[in-house]
Each structure stands twice: as structure tokens, then as C-alpha cells.
Amino acid sequence: MAEEYRLDIVTDPDPDTPLDIAYFTAVDADAAVRCAQYLLTTAAGPDDRYGELYVHTGTDRAVHYDTIHLPA
């Protein structure tokens, strides 16, 4: 069963102000990381952007899963 994920695309040192937010589903965590990496490469913005990946728990909450960096 697929889980819902959220990727906050960040270009500022403050992760609380994301440039964009993407919601997607993935069959497992590895697929979610690959999808997040792809979304980071296609997002407009500076080359040194990174993403905060969250997994939704089904209780209207999201739990931080990983920080994904796209090197400049």
C-alpha cells in the first residue's frame, strides 16, 4: 500500500520557509527518496536547494523522515 509523503523544497537556511511544497505517494521509503531527489532536480531555484521529506502517519500528522541535499 502506498504512503503519502510531503517534500518541503528549501533554498534558505531556515527550513520553516520552503520555496515550494510537493505532496506525493510512494510504495516505500526508498521510492519516496528517489521521487524526492527527482522533484528537487526539477524544482526552480538556486542550485543549492535541499528538501525536508516527511511521511504522513494517517492521523493528520507528518513525521520528518529525511533531509535530502542537492549539492551546488
N, C-alpha and C. Protein backbone atom coordinates (compact mmCIF):
# COMPACT_ATOMS: atom_id res chain seq x y z
N MET A 1 0.84 -1.18 0.00
CA MET A 1 0.00 0.00 0.00
C MET A 1 0.88 1.25 0.00
N ALA A 2 0.55 2.21 -0.81
CA ALA A 2 1.33 3.43 -0.93
C ALA A 2 1.09 4.35 0.27
N GLU A 3 2.16 5.04 0.66
CA GLU A 3 2.07 6.02 1.73
C GLU A 3 2.17 7.42 1.14
N GLU A 4 1.65 8.38 1.85
CA GLU A 4 1.70 9.77 1.40
C GLU A 4 2.91 10.46 2.02
N TYR A 5 3.60 11.22 1.19
CA TYR A 5 4.80 11.94 1.61
C TYR A 5 4.65 13.42 1.26
N ARG A 6 5.41 14.23 1.97
CA ARG A 6 5.47 15.67 1.69
C ARG A 6 6.94 16.05 1.60
N LEU A 7 7.27 16.82 0.57
CA LEU A 7 8.63 17.32 0.40
C LEU A 7 8.58 18.84 0.45
N ASP A 8 9.25 19.41 1.46
CA ASP A 8 9.41 20.86 1.53
C ASP A 8 10.71 21.20 0.83
N ILE A 9 10.63 21.94 -0.27
CA ILE A 9 11.80 22.32 -1.04
C ILE A 9 12.31 23.65 -0.48
N VAL A 10 13.54 23.62 0.02
CA VAL A 10 14.09 24.74 0.77
C VAL A 10 15.31 25.31 0.06
N THR A 11 15.39 26.64 -0.01
CA THR A 11 16.56 27.31 -0.58
C THR A 11 17.18 28.29 0.41
N ASP A 12 16.61 28.40 1.56
CA ASP A 12 17.03 29.34 2.59
C ASP A 12 17.57 28.53 3.78
N PRO A 13 18.46 29.08 4.55
CA PRO A 13 18.94 28.34 5.73
C PRO A 13 17.81 27.99 6.71
N ASP A 14 16.72 28.72 6.68
CA ASP A 14 15.59 28.47 7.57
C ASP A 14 14.62 27.49 6.92
N PRO A 15 14.55 26.24 7.39
CA PRO A 15 13.67 25.26 6.75
C PRO A 15 12.18 25.55 6.96
N ASP A 16 11.85 26.51 7.82
CA ASP A 16 10.45 26.83 8.07
C ASP A 16 9.84 27.71 6.98
N THR A 17 10.64 28.11 6.00
CA THR A 17 10.13 28.93 4.89
C THR A 17 10.48 28.25 3.56
N PRO A 18 9.78 27.15 3.24
CA PRO A 18 10.10 26.44 1.99
C PRO A 18 9.72 27.25 0.76
N LEU A 19 10.47 27.05 -0.29
CA LEU A 19 10.19 27.67 -1.59
C LEU A 19 8.94 27.05 -2.20
N ASP A 20 8.79 25.75 -2.00
CA ASP A 20 7.66 25.01 -2.57
C ASP A 20 7.41 23.77 -1.72
N ILE A 21 6.22 23.23 -1.83
CA ILE A 21 5.85 22.00 -1.12
C ILE A 21 5.23 21.05 -2.13
N ALA A 22 5.71 19.82 -2.13
CA ALA A 22 5.18 18.81 -3.04
C ALA A 22 4.61 17.65 -2.23
N TYR A 23 3.43 17.20 -2.59
CA TYR A 23 2.80 16.03 -1.97
C TYR A 23 2.80 14.91 -3.00
N PHE A 24 3.13 13.70 -2.58
CA PHE A 24 3.14 12.57 -3.50
C PHE A 24 2.99 11.28 -2.71
N THR A 25 2.72 10.20 -3.43
CA THR A 25 2.65 8.88 -2.80
C THR A 25 3.79 8.03 -3.35
N ALA A 26 4.20 7.07 -2.54
CA ALA A 26 5.24 6.13 -2.94
C ALA A 26 4.98 4.79 -2.26
N VAL A 27 5.44 3.72 -2.89
CA VAL A 27 5.17 2.39 -2.35
C VAL A 27 6.02 2.06 -1.13
N ASP A 28 7.19 2.72 -1.01
CA ASP A 28 8.03 2.51 0.17
C ASP A 28 8.97 3.71 0.34
N ALA A 29 9.76 3.68 1.39
CA ALA A 29 10.63 4.82 1.71
C ALA A 29 11.71 5.02 0.66
N ASP A 30 12.26 3.94 0.11
CA ASP A 30 13.29 4.09 -0.92
C ASP A 30 12.74 4.78 -2.17
N ALA A 31 11.54 4.40 -2.56
CA ALA A 31 10.90 5.04 -3.71
C ALA A 31 10.59 6.51 -3.40
N ALA A 32 10.23 6.81 -2.17
CA ALA A 32 9.95 8.20 -1.78
C ALA A 32 11.21 9.05 -1.86
N VAL A 33 12.33 8.51 -1.44
CA VAL A 33 13.59 9.26 -1.52
C VAL A 33 13.97 9.51 -2.98
N ARG A 34 13.82 8.50 -3.82
CA ARG A 34 14.12 8.69 -5.25
C ARG A 34 13.20 9.73 -5.88
N CYS A 35 11.94 9.70 -5.52
CA CYS A 35 10.98 10.69 -6.04
C CYS A 35 11.35 12.08 -5.54
N ALA A 36 11.71 12.19 -4.27
CA ALA A 36 12.10 13.49 -3.70
C ALA A 36 13.34 14.03 -4.41
N GLN A 37 14.31 13.17 -4.69
CA GLN A 37 15.51 13.61 -5.41
C GLN A 37 15.15 14.13 -6.79
N TYR A 38 14.26 13.44 -7.47
CA TYR A 38 13.81 13.88 -8.79
C TYR A 38 13.10 15.24 -8.70
N LEU A 39 12.20 15.37 -7.73
CA LEU A 39 11.48 16.64 -7.57
C LEU A 39 12.44 17.79 -7.28
N LEU A 40 13.48 17.53 -6.51
CA LEU A 40 14.46 18.57 -6.23
C LEU A 40 15.20 19.00 -7.49
N THR A 41 15.51 18.05 -8.36
CA THR A 41 16.24 18.40 -9.58
C THR A 41 15.37 19.19 -10.55
N THR A 42 14.07 19.02 -10.51
CA THR A 42 13.18 19.71 -11.44
C THR A 42 12.63 21.02 -10.89
N ALA A 43 12.80 21.27 -9.60
CA ALA A 43 12.26 22.49 -9.00
C ALA A 43 13.09 23.70 -9.43
N ALA A 44 12.41 24.79 -9.67
CA ALA A 44 13.10 26.04 -9.99
C ALA A 44 13.71 26.60 -8.72
N GLY A 45 14.87 27.22 -8.88
CA GLY A 45 15.51 27.84 -7.73
C GLY A 45 17.00 27.67 -7.78
N PRO A 46 17.68 28.14 -6.74
CA PRO A 46 19.14 28.04 -6.70
C PRO A 46 19.61 26.59 -6.73
N ASP A 47 20.83 26.38 -7.17
CA ASP A 47 21.37 25.03 -7.26
C ASP A 47 21.60 24.37 -5.92
N ASP A 48 21.68 25.15 -4.84
CA ASP A 48 21.99 24.58 -3.54
C ASP A 48 20.74 24.29 -2.71
N ARG A 49 19.63 23.97 -3.37
CA ARG A 49 18.39 23.67 -2.65
C ARG A 49 18.46 22.29 -1.99
N TYR A 50 17.61 22.11 -1.01
CA TYR A 50 17.51 20.82 -0.34
C TYR A 50 16.06 20.57 0.02
N GLY A 51 15.76 19.37 0.43
CA GLY A 51 14.38 19.03 0.76
C GLY A 51 14.26 18.38 2.12
N GLU A 52 13.20 18.73 2.80
CA GLU A 52 12.83 18.06 4.06
C GLU A 52 11.69 17.11 3.72
N LEU A 53 11.93 15.82 3.87
CA LEU A 53 10.96 14.80 3.49
C LEU A 53 10.21 14.33 4.73
N TYR A 54 8.89 14.34 4.63
CA TYR A 54 8.01 13.91 5.73
C TYR A 54 7.12 12.80 5.24
N VAL A 55 6.79 11.87 6.13
CA VAL A 55 5.82 10.82 5.83
C VAL A 55 4.58 11.10 6.67
N HIS A 56 3.41 10.98 6.05
CA HIS A 56 2.16 11.21 6.76
C HIS A 56 1.77 9.95 7.52
N THR A 57 1.34 10.13 8.74
CA THR A 57 1.04 8.99 9.61
C THR A 57 -0.41 8.54 9.53
N GLY A 58 -1.24 9.28 8.85
CA GLY A 58 -2.65 8.92 8.77
C GLY A 58 -3.48 9.56 9.87
N THR A 59 -2.83 10.29 10.74
CA THR A 59 -3.53 10.96 11.84
C THR A 59 -3.44 12.47 11.69
N ASP A 60 -3.41 12.94 10.45
CA ASP A 60 -3.26 14.37 10.15
C ASP A 60 -1.95 14.93 10.67
N ARG A 61 -0.96 14.07 10.80
CA ARG A 61 0.37 14.49 11.24
C ARG A 61 1.40 13.97 10.24
N ALA A 62 2.49 14.71 10.16
CA ALA A 62 3.61 14.27 9.32
C ALA A 62 4.84 14.16 10.21
N VAL A 63 5.61 13.10 9.98
CA VAL A 63 6.81 12.84 10.74
C VAL A 63 8.02 13.04 9.82
N HIS A 64 9.00 13.79 10.30
CA HIS A 64 10.21 14.01 9.49
C HIS A 64 10.88 12.68 9.22
N TYR A 65 11.21 12.44 7.95
CA TYR A 65 11.84 11.18 7.58
C TYR A 65 13.31 11.36 7.21
N ASP A 66 13.62 12.41 6.39
CA ASP A 66 14.99 12.57 5.91
C ASP A 66 15.19 13.97 5.37
N THR A 67 16.44 14.41 5.36
CA THR A 67 16.82 15.65 4.68
C THR A 67 17.61 15.24 3.45
N ILE A 68 17.20 15.75 2.30
CA ILE A 68 17.82 15.37 1.03
C ILE A 68 18.49 16.61 0.45
N HIS A 69 19.81 16.52 0.25
CA HIS A 69 20.58 17.64 -0.27
C HIS A 69 20.84 17.47 -1.75
N LEU A 70 20.76 18.56 -2.45
CA LEU A 70 21.14 18.60 -3.86
C LEU A 70 22.37 19.50 -3.92
N PRO A 71 23.56 18.94 -4.03
CA PRO A 71 24.77 19.76 -3.97
C PRO A 71 24.82 20.80 -5.09
N ALA A 72 25.38 21.94 -4.74
CA ALA A 72 25.51 23.04 -5.72
C ALA A 72 26.55 22.73 -6.76
